[in-house]
Amino acid sequence: MNKHPKLSLATALLVVGAALVIAQTNRPVTNGACCVTFANPAMLAIIAPTNVPATPPQKNPLPKLIDLGAGKCIPCKMMFPVLDELKKEYIGKLDVEFIDVWKNPDAGKQYGIEVIPTQIFYDATGKELFRHIGFFSKDDILAKWKELGMDLKSAK
């Protein structure tokens, strides 16, 4: 027989509430993004800095767009032609990189990725300026660069 039934009920409710919070935190996002790929976002803030440059500094650094996704993710596949066009049209003006986080999960953790595809915008010094989750059209990417103060001119 329990001497403290209210305490037991409160403890049980606390455990159930915590389980619901954890389950809610790890639910997939369905706003045009593919799937949740990594741990609880609260933990990512502790283990993964978000302004880590992808590559060592260059002699003439450029603004950079990194797209983190996977080759078999449908919205990620939709990003491929957009990234290819940006690479070709803005050569010498913008560095564009794709990282497959299913093949390289450590990269996803390094960048604190929760959902793919995720696009990260960096200035020429490697400072993160903006993140977007899901498919992002070429026009929207260029508009975002302009909003961020970088009106890129096509190299073509």
Protein backbone atom coordinates (compact mmCIF):
# COMPACT_ATOMS: atom_id res chain seq x y z
CA MET A 1 0.00 0.00 0.00
CA ASN A 2 1.36 3.40 -1.02
CA LYS A 3 1.69 5.92 1.83
CA HIS A 4 1.96 8.89 -0.59
CA PRO A 5 -0.54 8.37 -3.45
CA LYS A 6 -0.40 12.04 -4.54
CA LEU A 7 3.38 11.91 -4.82
CA SER A 8 3.22 8.72 -6.90
CA LEU A 9 0.60 10.25 -9.22
CA ALA A 10 2.65 13.43 -9.60
CA THR A 11 5.78 11.41 -10.39
CA ALA A 12 3.91 9.33 -12.98
CA LEU A 13 2.50 12.47 -14.63
CA LEU A 14 5.96 14.04 -14.70
CA VAL A 15 7.44 10.97 -16.41
CA VAL A 16 4.63 10.87 -19.00
CA GLY A 17 4.97 14.62 -19.62
CA ALA A 18 8.72 14.33 -20.14
CA ALA A 19 8.21 11.44 -22.57
CA LEU A 20 5.69 13.52 -24.56
CA VAL A 21 8.09 16.49 -24.74
CA ILE A 22 10.91 14.25 -25.99
CA ALA A 23 8.63 12.61 -28.57
CA GLN A 24 7.39 16.02 -29.78
CA THR A 25 10.95 17.38 -30.07
CA ASN A 26 12.06 14.52 -32.31
CA ARG A 27 9.09 14.55 -34.71
CA PRO A 28 9.83 14.90 -38.44
CA VAL A 29 9.25 18.26 -40.11
CA THR A 30 7.14 18.13 -43.26
CA ASN A 31 7.46 21.63 -44.76
CA GLY A 32 9.13 20.49 -47.97
CA ALA A 33 12.08 19.07 -46.09
CA CYS A 34 13.04 15.44 -46.32
CA CYS A 35 13.53 14.06 -42.87
CA VAL A 36 15.04 14.49 -39.43
CA THR A 37 18.59 13.28 -39.59
CA PHE A 38 20.17 14.00 -36.25
CA ALA A 39 19.62 14.35 -32.53
CA ASN A 40 17.53 16.63 -30.39
CA PRO A 41 18.05 20.29 -31.47
CA ALA A 42 18.74 21.35 -27.87
CA MET A 43 21.71 18.97 -27.78
CA LEU A 44 22.97 20.15 -31.16
CA ALA A 45 23.42 23.65 -29.80
CA ILE A 46 25.82 22.21 -27.24
CA ILE A 47 27.85 19.95 -29.52
CA ALA A 48 27.76 21.66 -32.90
CA PRO A 49 28.90 25.20 -33.67
CA THR A 50 26.88 26.69 -36.54
CA ASN A 51 29.43 29.11 -37.95
CA VAL A 52 32.21 26.67 -38.78
CA PRO A 53 33.68 27.39 -42.24
CA ALA A 54 33.38 24.36 -44.54
CA THR A 55 36.86 24.71 -45.98
CA PRO A 56 40.08 26.41 -44.95
CA PRO A 57 40.24 30.14 -45.75
CA GLN A 58 41.07 30.95 -49.36
CA LYS A 59 43.41 33.65 -50.68
CA ASN A 60 40.41 35.46 -52.17
CA PRO A 61 37.51 34.24 -50.04
CA LEU A 62 34.03 34.27 -51.51
CA PRO A 63 30.58 34.19 -49.98
CA LYS A 64 29.56 30.56 -49.67
CA LEU A 65 26.36 28.56 -49.95
CA ILE A 66 26.44 25.08 -48.48
CA ASP A 67 23.57 22.70 -49.17
CA LEU A 68 23.45 19.74 -46.80
CA GLY A 69 21.24 16.94 -48.02
CA ALA A 70 21.33 13.44 -49.45
CA GLY A 71 21.38 11.94 -52.91
CA LYS A 72 18.19 9.94 -52.37
CA CYS A 73 16.09 12.64 -50.66
CA ILE A 74 13.45 14.04 -53.08
CA PRO A 75 13.68 17.75 -52.06
CA CYS A 76 17.49 17.36 -52.04
CA LYS A 77 17.40 16.02 -55.61
CA MET A 78 15.30 19.04 -56.58
CA MET A 79 18.13 21.26 -55.28
CA PHE A 80 20.80 19.70 -57.55
CA PRO A 81 19.96 21.68 -60.73
CA VAL A 82 19.66 24.89 -58.69
CA LEU A 83 23.10 24.35 -57.15
CA ASP A 84 24.62 23.45 -60.53
CA GLU A 85 23.25 26.65 -62.12
CA LEU A 86 24.57 28.77 -59.25
CA LYS A 87 28.01 27.12 -59.49
CA LYS A 88 28.22 27.82 -63.23
CA GLU A 89 26.67 31.29 -63.33
CA TYR A 90 28.45 32.74 -60.29
CA ILE A 91 31.90 31.20 -60.70
CA GLY A 92 34.45 33.47 -59.01
CA LYS A 93 31.62 35.31 -57.18
CA LEU A 94 30.08 32.57 -55.03
CA ASP A 95 31.34 29.26 -53.70
CA VAL A 96 28.62 26.57 -53.82
CA GLU A 97 29.07 23.24 -52.08
CA PHE A 98 26.85 20.16 -51.59
CA ILE A 99 27.45 17.79 -48.68
CA ASP A 100 25.68 14.42 -48.52
CA VAL A 101 24.96 13.91 -44.82
CA TRP A 102 23.83 10.31 -45.32
CA LYS A 103 27.26 9.47 -46.67
CA ASN A 104 29.01 11.82 -44.23
CA PRO A 105 26.95 12.00 -41.00
CA ASP A 106 29.74 13.79 -39.15
CA ALA A 107 29.28 16.79 -41.46
CA GLY A 108 25.61 16.96 -40.50
CA LYS A 109 26.58 17.00 -36.86
CA GLN A 110 29.34 19.56 -37.46
CA TYR A 111 26.83 21.96 -39.01
CA GLY A 112 24.05 21.20 -36.52
CA ILE A 113 21.69 19.90 -39.18
CA GLU A 114 18.27 18.75 -38.00
CA VAL A 115 16.43 18.40 -41.32
CA ILE A 116 17.53 18.03 -44.92
CA PRO A 117 17.93 19.76 -47.22
CA THR A 118 19.37 22.70 -45.32
CA GLN A 119 21.10 25.60 -47.02
CA ILE A 120 23.59 27.69 -45.04
CA PHE A 121 24.72 31.11 -46.25
CA TYR A 122 28.18 32.34 -45.20
CA ASP A 123 29.89 35.65 -45.85
CA ALA A 124 33.44 35.73 -47.23
CA THR A 125 34.89 35.56 -43.71
CA GLY A 126 33.05 32.32 -42.90
CA LYS A 127 30.41 33.92 -40.67
CA GLU A 128 27.01 32.25 -40.94
CA LEU A 129 24.38 34.69 -42.14
CA PHE A 130 21.26 32.60 -42.68
CA ARG A 131 19.82 29.06 -42.77
CA HIS A 132 16.93 27.69 -44.76
CA ILE A 133 15.32 24.26 -44.48
CA GLY A 134 13.66 22.56 -47.44
CA PHE A 135 13.75 23.26 -51.16
CA PHE A 136 14.97 26.79 -52.00
CA SER A 137 14.61 28.08 -55.56
CA LYS A 138 17.42 29.86 -57.40
CA ASP A 139 15.45 33.13 -57.46
CA ASP A 140 14.78 32.88 -53.73
CA ILE A 141 18.45 32.14 -53.02
CA LEU A 142 19.57 35.16 -55.05
CA ALA A 143 16.93 37.33 -53.35
CA LYS A 144 18.20 36.17 -49.95
CA TRP A 145 21.81 37.03 -50.90
CA LYS A 146 20.62 40.49 -51.96
CA GLU A 147 18.69 40.88 -48.68
CA LEU A 148 21.89 39.93 -46.85
CA GLY A 149 23.71 42.76 -48.62
CA MET A 150 25.43 40.73 -51.35
CA ASP A 151 23.98 41.59 -54.73
CA LEU A 152 25.76 38.94 -56.78
CA LYS A 153 26.34 39.65 -60.44
CA SER A 154 26.38 36.67 -62.77
CA ALA A 155 29.80 35.80 -64.17
CA LYS A 156 28.16 35.04 -67.55
